[in-house]
Protein backbone atom coordinates (compact mmCIF):
# COMPACT_ATOMS: atom_id res chain seq x y z
CA MET A 1 81.70 -20.54 -30.88
CA THR A 2 78.37 -20.48 -29.83
CA ARG A 3 76.16 -21.47 -26.45
CA VAL A 4 72.04 -22.44 -26.85
CA ILE A 5 70.02 -23.70 -24.64
CA HIS A 6 68.57 -26.95 -26.17
CA THR A 7 65.20 -27.30 -24.69
CA GLY A 8 61.87 -28.91 -25.57
CA ASP A 9 58.67 -30.41 -24.65
CA THR A 10 57.43 -27.54 -22.36
CA HIS A 11 53.32 -28.86 -23.01
CA LEU A 12 52.31 -25.53 -22.27
CA GLY A 13 48.21 -25.47 -21.28
CA TYR A 14 48.82 -28.87 -20.15
CA ARG A 15 46.24 -29.43 -17.30
CA GLN A 16 47.88 -32.61 -15.75
CA TYR A 17 45.49 -34.49 -13.64
CA HIS A 18 42.79 -31.97 -13.85
CA SER A 19 44.65 -29.84 -11.88
CA PRO A 20 44.70 -25.68 -12.43
CA GLU A 21 48.25 -26.34 -10.38
CA ARG A 22 49.79 -28.65 -12.27
CA ARG A 23 49.19 -26.13 -15.28
CA ALA A 24 51.17 -22.88 -13.64
CA ASP A 25 53.44 -25.57 -13.27
CA PHE A 26 53.83 -26.50 -16.88
CA ARG A 27 54.16 -22.06 -17.42
CA ARG A 28 56.99 -21.89 -14.36
CA ALA A 29 58.78 -24.54 -15.20
CA PHE A 30 59.69 -23.12 -19.28
CA GLU A 31 59.99 -19.08 -17.84
CA GLN A 32 62.95 -20.95 -15.43
CA VAL A 33 64.17 -22.23 -18.92
CA VAL A 34 63.99 -18.62 -20.31
CA ASP A 35 64.98 -16.96 -16.80
CA ASP A 36 68.21 -18.71 -17.37
CA ALA A 37 68.63 -18.49 -21.03
CA ILE A 38 68.89 -14.57 -19.36
CA ALA A 39 70.73 -14.68 -16.99
CA ASP A 40 73.48 -16.56 -18.43
CA ASP A 41 73.35 -14.26 -22.17
CA VAL A 42 72.84 -17.41 -24.04
CA ASP A 43 73.02 -16.67 -28.03
CA ALA A 44 69.49 -18.66 -28.54
CA VAL A 45 67.12 -20.73 -27.01
CA ILE A 46 66.59 -23.70 -29.56
CA HIS A 47 63.14 -25.27 -28.91
CA ALA A 48 62.82 -28.71 -30.65
CA GLY A 49 58.69 -29.20 -30.25
CA ASP A 50 56.01 -29.71 -28.45
CA LEU A 51 55.80 -26.28 -27.15
CA PHE A 52 52.29 -26.41 -26.21
CA HIS A 53 50.50 -29.78 -25.15
CA ASP A 54 47.55 -29.24 -27.63
CA SER A 55 46.90 -28.14 -31.34
CA ARG A 56 44.36 -25.62 -29.87
CA PRO A 57 45.98 -24.11 -26.80
CA ASP A 58 43.48 -21.70 -24.99
CA LEU A 59 43.99 -17.85 -24.59
CA ASP A 60 45.22 -18.19 -21.06
CA ALA A 61 48.36 -20.75 -22.67
CA LEU A 62 48.86 -18.39 -25.76
CA HIS A 63 49.10 -14.95 -23.33
CA ALA A 64 51.39 -16.45 -20.99
CA THR A 65 53.54 -17.68 -24.35
CA ILE A 66 53.63 -14.36 -25.06
CA SER A 67 55.08 -12.29 -22.64
CA ILE A 68 57.35 -15.38 -21.62
CA LEU A 69 58.46 -14.98 -25.37
CA GLY A 70 58.62 -11.41 -25.29
CA ARG A 71 60.59 -11.36 -22.46
CA LEU A 72 63.81 -12.92 -25.06
CA ARG A 73 63.43 -10.75 -27.61
CA ASP A 74 63.77 -7.90 -24.99
CA ALA A 75 66.56 -9.46 -24.39
CA ASP A 76 68.10 -9.57 -27.90
CA ILE A 77 67.88 -13.70 -27.59
CA PRO A 78 66.81 -15.20 -30.72
CA PHE A 79 64.05 -18.11 -29.78
CA LEU A 80 64.63 -21.25 -33.09
CA ALA A 81 61.89 -23.37 -32.89
CA ILE A 82 59.68 -26.63 -34.62
CA VAL A 83 56.21 -28.23 -34.50
CA GLY A 84 56.09 -31.01 -32.77
CA ASN A 85 53.33 -33.68 -32.41
CA HIS A 86 50.73 -32.45 -29.90
CA GLU A 87 50.77 -28.79 -31.22
CA GLY A 88 50.63 -29.55 -35.00
CA THR A 89 48.00 -27.98 -36.82
CA ARG A 90 46.50 -28.10 -40.17
CA GLY A 91 48.43 -25.85 -42.69
CA ARG A 92 49.58 -22.51 -40.56
CA GLN A 93 51.14 -23.60 -37.30
CA TRP A 94 51.06 -21.45 -34.45
CA LEU A 95 54.75 -20.88 -34.50
CA ASP A 96 54.34 -19.02 -37.51
CA LEU A 97 52.23 -16.42 -35.34
CA PHE A 98 54.85 -16.01 -32.88
CA GLU A 99 57.49 -15.56 -36.24
CA THR A 100 55.04 -13.08 -37.32
CA LEU A 101 55.39 -11.22 -33.59
CA GLY A 102 59.03 -10.75 -34.35
CA LEU A 103 59.11 -13.78 -31.23
CA ALA A 104 60.19 -16.76 -32.50
CA THR A 105 62.17 -18.03 -35.79
CA ARG A 106 60.56 -21.11 -37.00
CA LEU A 107 63.28 -23.31 -38.80
CA GLY A 108 63.79 -25.39 -41.71
CA ASP A 109 65.50 -26.34 -44.63
CA GLU A 110 67.47 -22.76 -44.85
CA PRO A 111 70.03 -22.54 -42.44
CA VAL A 112 69.74 -19.35 -39.36
CA ARG A 113 72.85 -18.65 -37.97
CA VAL A 114 73.52 -17.87 -34.51
CA GLY A 115 76.92 -16.60 -34.28
CA GLU A 116 79.04 -19.25 -36.03
CA THR A 117 76.55 -22.08 -36.00
CA ALA A 118 73.68 -22.81 -38.53
CA PHE A 119 70.57 -24.11 -37.50
CA TYR A 120 68.44 -26.42 -39.23
CA GLY A 121 64.06 -27.81 -38.47
CA LEU A 122 62.61 -31.02 -38.73
CA ASP A 123 59.15 -30.64 -38.00
CA HIS A 124 57.63 -34.08 -36.83
CA VAL A 125 56.79 -36.09 -39.75
CA PRO A 126 54.56 -39.04 -39.30
CA LYS A 127 55.53 -42.91 -40.46
CA SER A 128 53.73 -43.35 -43.22
CA LYS A 129 55.38 -39.28 -44.72
CA ARG A 130 59.35 -40.37 -44.00
CA ASP A 131 60.42 -42.32 -46.95
CA ASP A 132 59.27 -39.61 -49.21
CA LEU A 133 61.58 -37.03 -47.74
CA ASP A 134 65.03 -36.50 -49.01
CA TYR A 135 66.79 -34.40 -45.88
CA GLU A 136 67.97 -31.54 -48.66
CA PHE A 137 69.01 -28.58 -46.72
CA ALA A 138 70.54 -24.99 -48.68
CA PRO A 139 74.41 -25.08 -47.98
CA HIS A 140 75.25 -22.65 -45.43
CA ASP A 141 79.27 -20.76 -44.60
CA ALA A 142 79.14 -21.30 -40.98
CA ASP A 143 81.91 -23.57 -39.12
CA HIS A 144 79.47 -25.26 -37.70
CA ALA A 145 75.78 -26.62 -38.39
CA ALA A 146 72.95 -28.20 -36.36
CA LEU A 147 69.62 -30.10 -37.17
CA VAL A 148 66.46 -29.86 -34.50
CA SER A 149 63.73 -32.07 -34.90
CA HIS A 150 61.32 -33.93 -33.24
CA GLY A 151 60.25 -37.46 -32.95
CA LEU A 152 61.52 -41.46 -31.58
CA PHE A 153 64.46 -41.53 -33.09
CA GLN A 154 67.04 -45.05 -33.11
CA PRO A 155 69.28 -45.49 -31.48
CA PHE A 156 66.99 -44.56 -28.80
CA ASP A 157 64.83 -47.06 -27.40
CA LEU A 158 61.54 -47.29 -28.58
CA GLY A 159 63.50 -45.56 -31.63
CA ASP A 160 60.98 -45.51 -35.05
CA TRP A 161 63.35 -42.96 -37.11
CA ASP A 162 66.61 -43.90 -37.81
CA ALA A 163 69.71 -40.73 -36.72
CA GLU A 164 72.16 -42.41 -39.01
CA THR A 165 69.80 -41.79 -41.73
CA VAL A 166 69.03 -38.71 -41.70
CA LEU A 167 72.57 -37.44 -41.34
CA THR A 168 73.93 -39.65 -44.12
CA GLU A 169 71.44 -38.79 -46.56
CA ALA A 170 71.34 -34.99 -45.70
CA THR A 171 72.73 -32.65 -47.54
CA VAL A 172 74.27 -30.47 -45.04
CA ASP A 173 77.01 -32.36 -42.44
CA PHE A 174 75.70 -31.87 -38.86
CA ASP A 175 77.68 -31.49 -35.75
CA ALA A 176 74.61 -32.63 -33.96
CA MET A 177 71.01 -33.10 -33.99
CA LEU A 178 68.85 -31.28 -31.20
CA LEU A 179 65.87 -33.53 -30.24
CA GLY A 180 62.38 -33.33 -28.97
CA ASP A 181 59.52 -36.00 -28.29
CA ASN A 182 61.31 -38.04 -25.44
CA HIS A 183 60.63 -37.08 -22.09
CA ASP A 184 64.10 -38.49 -20.91
CA PRO A 185 67.57 -36.75 -21.73
CA GLY A 186 70.41 -39.01 -22.88
CA LYS A 187 73.06 -38.78 -25.67
CA THR A 188 74.74 -40.86 -28.07
CA GLU A 189 77.38 -40.26 -30.85
CA VAL A 190 75.80 -41.00 -34.44
CA ALA A 191 77.67 -40.90 -37.71
CA ASP A 192 80.35 -38.31 -36.05
CA ALA A 193 77.47 -36.41 -34.76
CA TRP A 194 76.14 -35.55 -31.77
CA VAL A 195 72.10 -36.70 -30.95
CA THR A 196 70.78 -35.39 -28.11
CA TYR A 197 67.32 -35.32 -26.21
CA CYS A 198 67.22 -32.71 -23.64
CA GLY A 199 63.78 -34.22 -21.92
CA SER A 200 60.94 -32.62 -20.96
CA THR A 201 60.92 -29.52 -18.75
CA GLU A 202 58.11 -30.85 -16.01
CA ARG A 203 56.75 -34.37 -15.69
CA CYS A 204 54.48 -35.24 -17.98
CA SER A 205 54.32 -39.08 -17.16
CA ALA A 206 54.38 -40.99 -13.51
CA THR A 207 57.11 -42.71 -15.48
CA GLU A 208 59.33 -39.53 -15.74
CA ARG A 209 61.01 -40.14 -12.11
CA ASP A 210 64.13 -38.42 -13.03
CA GLU A 211 65.40 -34.60 -12.61
CA ARG A 212 64.04 -32.51 -15.58
CA GLY A 213 65.56 -30.14 -17.25
CA TYR A 214 67.98 -28.74 -19.94
CA ASN A 215 70.76 -28.80 -22.04
CA ILE A 216 73.47 -26.72 -22.43
CA VAL A 217 75.04 -27.34 -26.21
CA THR A 218 78.23 -25.53 -27.08
CA PHE A 219 79.64 -25.26 -30.47
CA ASP A 220 83.73 -24.52 -30.93
CA ASP A 221 85.68 -27.75 -32.18
CA GLY A 222 83.02 -29.57 -32.77
CA ALA A 223 79.56 -29.76 -29.56
CA SER A 224 79.95 -30.35 -26.46
CA ILE A 225 76.71 -30.90 -24.99
CA THR A 226 76.00 -30.31 -20.99
CA ARG A 227 72.89 -31.29 -18.75
CA ARG A 228 71.52 -28.28 -16.58
CA GLY A 229 68.57 -29.29 -14.01
CA LEU A 230 65.47 -27.72 -12.85
CA ASP A 231 64.20 -26.35 -9.73
CA ALA A 232 61.62 -24.68 -10.11
CA THR A 233 59.38 -28.46 -11.36
CA ARG A 234 56.99 -29.61 -8.74
CA GLU A 235 58.08 -32.68 -6.54
CA PHE A 236 56.83 -35.98 -7.23
CA ALA A 237 56.39 -38.29 -4.08
CA PHE A 238 56.57 -41.93 -5.23
CA VAL A 239 55.59 -44.64 -3.14
CA SER A 240 55.94 -48.40 -3.17
CA VAL A 241 54.14 -51.16 -0.51
CA ASP A 242 54.74 -54.10 -1.12
CA LEU A 243 51.81 -55.84 0.91
CA ALA A 244 52.47 -59.44 3.32
CA ASP A 245 49.97 -61.24 4.17
CA ASP A 246 48.13 -59.89 6.72
CA GLU A 247 49.10 -55.97 5.82
CA GLY A 248 46.15 -53.85 4.10
CA ILE A 249 45.55 -49.93 3.64
CA GLU A 250 47.12 -49.41 7.64
CA ARG A 251 50.35 -50.50 5.61
CA VAL A 252 50.18 -48.20 2.61
CA ARG A 253 48.86 -45.20 5.56
CA GLU A 254 52.15 -46.11 7.34
CA LYS A 255 54.31 -45.13 3.99
CA LEU A 256 52.19 -42.45 3.47
CA ARG A 257 53.62 -41.48 6.91
CA GLU A 258 57.10 -41.42 6.18
CA ARG A 259 57.22 -38.89 3.42
CA ASP A 260 56.54 -35.27 3.05
CA LEU A 261 53.63 -35.20 1.03
CA ASP A 262 53.07 -30.71 1.03
CA ASP A 263 51.71 -30.00 -1.98
CA ALA A 264 53.36 -32.72 -4.23
CA VAL A 265 52.01 -35.09 -6.46
CA VAL A 266 51.76 -38.41 -5.02
CA ILE A 267 52.32 -41.89 -7.10
CA VAL A 268 51.64 -45.00 -5.02
CA GLU A 269 51.92 -48.98 -6.58
CA VAL A 270 50.88 -51.15 -4.41
CA ASP A 271 52.07 -55.24 -4.95
CA GLY A 272 52.13 -58.25 -2.93
CA GLU A 273 50.16 -60.66 -1.46
CA GLY A 274 48.24 -58.38 0.92
CA GLU A 275 44.35 -57.45 1.52
CA ARG A 276 42.53 -55.62 -1.46
CA VAL A 277 43.03 -51.57 -1.21
CA THR A 278 40.34 -48.86 -2.32
CA PRO A 279 42.77 -46.19 -3.87
CA ALA A 280 39.94 -43.75 -2.59
CA ARG A 281 40.89 -44.29 0.66
CA VAL A 282 44.40 -44.34 -0.37
CA GLU A 283 44.16 -41.09 -2.37
CA GLU A 284 41.60 -39.40 0.58
CA PHE A 285 44.61 -39.86 2.48
CA ALA A 286 47.04 -38.43 0.97
CA LEU A 287 45.48 -35.58 0.27
CA GLU A 288 44.48 -34.99 3.95
CA ARG A 289 48.37 -35.12 4.54
CA GLY A 290 48.75 -32.59 2.48
CA ALA A 291 49.40 -33.71 -1.20
CA LEU A 292 47.85 -31.62 -4.16
CA VAL A 293 47.19 -35.08 -6.36
CA ALA A 294 47.43 -38.72 -5.03
CA ARG A 295 47.14 -41.72 -7.11
CA VAL A 296 47.17 -45.20 -7.07
CA THR A 297 48.08 -47.89 -8.87
CA ASP A 298 47.49 -51.58 -7.68
CA ARG A 299 49.84 -54.00 -9.41
CA ARG A 300 48.45 -57.21 -7.98
CA GLU A 301 46.74 -60.53 -9.56
CA VAL A 302 43.11 -60.30 -8.76
CA ASP A 303 40.96 -63.50 -10.15
CA ASP A 304 41.52 -66.20 -10.11
CA ASP A 305 43.37 -67.47 -12.71
CA ASP A 306 46.42 -66.28 -12.01
CA GLU A 307 46.71 -63.69 -14.82
CA SER A 308 48.81 -60.13 -13.64
CA VAL A 309 45.89 -57.52 -14.42
CA ASP A 310 47.49 -54.42 -14.19
CA VAL A 311 45.04 -51.73 -12.81
CA SER A 312 45.71 -47.71 -12.73
CA PHE A 313 43.64 -44.98 -11.70
CA ALA A 314 46.14 -42.62 -12.54
CA ASP A 315 44.23 -41.38 -15.37
CA PRO A 316 40.45 -42.61 -16.25
CA ASP A 317 40.53 -40.15 -18.94
CA GLU A 318 44.13 -41.10 -20.76
CA ALA A 319 42.88 -44.71 -20.83
CA VAL A 320 39.56 -43.16 -22.53
CA ARG A 321 41.86 -41.48 -25.13
CA GLU A 322 44.04 -44.58 -25.84
CA ARG A 323 40.71 -46.46 -26.48
CA VAL A 324 39.82 -44.47 -29.25
CA ARG A 325 43.33 -44.17 -30.67
CA ASP A 326 42.89 -47.83 -30.74
CA LEU A 327 39.65 -47.72 -32.78
CA GLY A 328 41.67 -45.99 -36.00
CA LEU A 329 39.01 -43.48 -36.38
CA SER A 330 39.05 -40.36 -38.88
CA GLU A 331 40.06 -37.38 -38.52
CA ALA A 332 36.45 -36.40 -38.42
CA ALA A 333 35.82 -38.74 -36.15
CA ARG A 334 38.10 -37.93 -33.74
CA GLY A 335 37.31 -34.28 -33.59
CA ILE A 336 33.86 -35.07 -32.83
CA ASP A 337 34.68 -37.41 -30.77
CA GLU A 338 37.16 -34.20 -28.56
CA THR A 339 33.78 -32.22 -28.83
CA VAL A 340 31.25 -34.45 -27.23
CA ARG A 341 33.36 -36.33 -25.01
CA ALA A 342 36.27 -33.68 -23.95
CA SER A 343 33.83 -30.92 -23.19
CA LYS A 344 35.73 -27.97 -24.79
CA VAL A 345 32.06 -27.08 -25.88
CA ALA A 346 29.36 -25.85 -24.20
CA ASP A 347 27.09 -28.79 -23.64
CA ALA A 348 24.63 -26.10 -25.29
CA ASN A 349 26.55 -25.81 -27.98
CA VAL A 350 27.87 -29.18 -29.32
CA ARG A 351 25.19 -30.21 -31.45
CA GLU A 352 25.75 -26.72 -33.40
CA SER A 353 29.59 -27.35 -33.49
CA VAL A 354 30.18 -31.00 -34.58
CA GLN A 355 27.70 -29.79 -37.67
CA ASN A 356 29.61 -26.57 -38.57
CA ARG A 357 32.92 -29.30 -38.47
CA VAL A 358 31.86 -31.51 -40.78
CA ASP A 359 30.39 -28.74 -42.98
CA GLU A 360 33.95 -27.25 -43.20
CA LEU A 361 35.42 -30.11 -44.19
CA VAL A 362 32.92 -31.45 -46.21
CA ALA A 363 32.72 -27.76 -48.32
CA ASP A 364 36.65 -27.54 -48.26
CA GLY A 365 36.65 -31.11 -49.80
CA ASP A 366 38.32 -32.50 -47.41
CA LEU A 367 37.21 -36.06 -47.99
CA ASP A 368 40.07 -37.65 -46.62
CA ALA A 369 39.21 -36.48 -43.37
CA PHE A 370 36.68 -39.18 -43.47
CA GLU A 371 39.30 -42.33 -44.08
CA SER A 372 40.19 -44.08 -41.38
CA ALA A 373 43.56 -43.74 -39.38
CA PRO A 374 45.88 -46.03 -41.39
CA ASP A 375 47.11 -48.65 -39.15
CA ASP A 376 51.00 -46.99 -40.16
CA GLY A 377 51.66 -45.47 -36.37
CA SER A 378 50.79 -42.59 -38.62
CA ALA A 379 47.57 -41.92 -35.68
CA PRO A 380 47.61 -38.06 -34.80
CA ASP A 381 48.69 -39.72 -30.92
CA ASP A 382 51.78 -41.67 -31.81
CA PRO A 383 52.88 -42.49 -28.26
CA SER A 384 56.01 -41.19 -26.58
CA PRO A 385 58.43 -43.51 -25.37
CA GLU A 386 56.39 -43.49 -22.67
CA ASP A 387 53.49 -44.73 -24.16
CA ALA A 388 55.00 -48.08 -24.29
CA THR A 389 54.83 -48.25 -20.30
CA PRO A 390 52.10 -50.02 -17.82
CA GLU A 391 51.45 -46.59 -16.56
CA GLY A 392 50.19 -44.97 -19.87
CA PRO A 393 51.05 -42.80 -22.57
CA THR A 394 53.43 -40.22 -22.97
CA ASP A 395 52.52 -39.97 -19.72
CA ASP A 396 49.78 -41.18 -16.91
CA GLU A 397 48.57 -38.70 -19.94
CA SER A 398 50.78 -37.06 -21.67
CA ALA A 399 49.73 -38.43 -25.33
CA SER A 400 47.61 -35.31 -27.17
CA ASP A 401 44.24 -34.22 -26.63
CA ASP A 402 43.75 -33.23 -30.14
CA PRO A 403 42.04 -34.46 -32.75
CA THR A 404 44.54 -33.77 -35.20
CA ASP A 405 46.51 -36.08 -37.27
CA ALA A 406 49.88 -36.43 -37.06
CA ASP A 407 49.83 -36.35 -40.79
CA ASP A 408 48.55 -33.18 -40.86
CA VAL A 409 52.08 -31.71 -39.28
CA ALA A 410 54.08 -29.72 -41.53
CA THR A 411 56.61 -32.11 -43.20
CA LEU A 412 60.19 -31.07 -44.47
CA GLU A 413 58.74 -30.68 -48.11
CA GLU A 414 55.40 -29.21 -47.21
CA TYR A 415 55.91 -26.37 -44.85
CA GLN A 416 59.50 -25.33 -45.84
């Protein structure tokens, strides 16, 4: 028997809502997964991608991750992982560094055996490159086998990658596909194998209303999957207000008074026929009542043409990022946009940083980086399930901030 924790989409380093407390929340959620793994003495922790929120995590995120993974190593629990779309870089990956340090094993087309189960990995692959995959994996002599991958797979909602194709064309018979990218957990049976998402460990979006957690997968006469919730996650208070004709901000305040807002992320949705409500006044009131963060979405019709306009104040930065993605900019242009707009470089150094980046690309002969992004779904921030919702991308803000082209993420043939 082999018993493992299947987790993913931990998005370490994510400063959601520009809040340092939220950044710490993502770390604490991952720490609880590791605490549980050690307490339960599982055979391995399997991570299905997006360990980091960004392809260029800062030193604080890297230091915290090394410390957390060190605890697993000290407990003799292997950490097996793949590369997701958020953290993928051109060439070597952060996961390779952790492997060099003895903190992780990067899964690929060769089996990694844990107990009586062989684990394989398939990093996130952009749509434009999936037709070139042959799903050829080295044979194994274990009783069971599992494939770990990252992407939006059919038959789950919004899937654009067919799990049945992967399972039927693979040269290995898998008992299970352990997946990341979809932040909502779920499981279904495809081609005599379990296909399951573990979900994210913290809410990357106001659309992620269910409890956060991870899967426990047991391989013994097939695969069985159970779900375990995390109690270390931040409370989100979802408040919906349907205003009658004569109602306005006082009604919104009344609804907020009914809730315990202490240290919570407060998400307010306003609808109905009542008075216009200024989001800033609502947010200010929620903060006065102890909320960590407050965001307001007004879903009412606001013009004379009877057209519904969805106005969200949940994350203005994400609105900008979404617009940038829609422009189809080249990789080089996206990198320049991040340097100038996202303020990851001191103002005095922006000009020099942009010049150095362009010079590096030219010196490397990487002229493809100056080509416009293809309109084939292979843009760097391929939307996660939440991208299709009115709230925004894989989050109000979960789509990656990084400018790296999704084609840069390691594919099965290139890096495995």
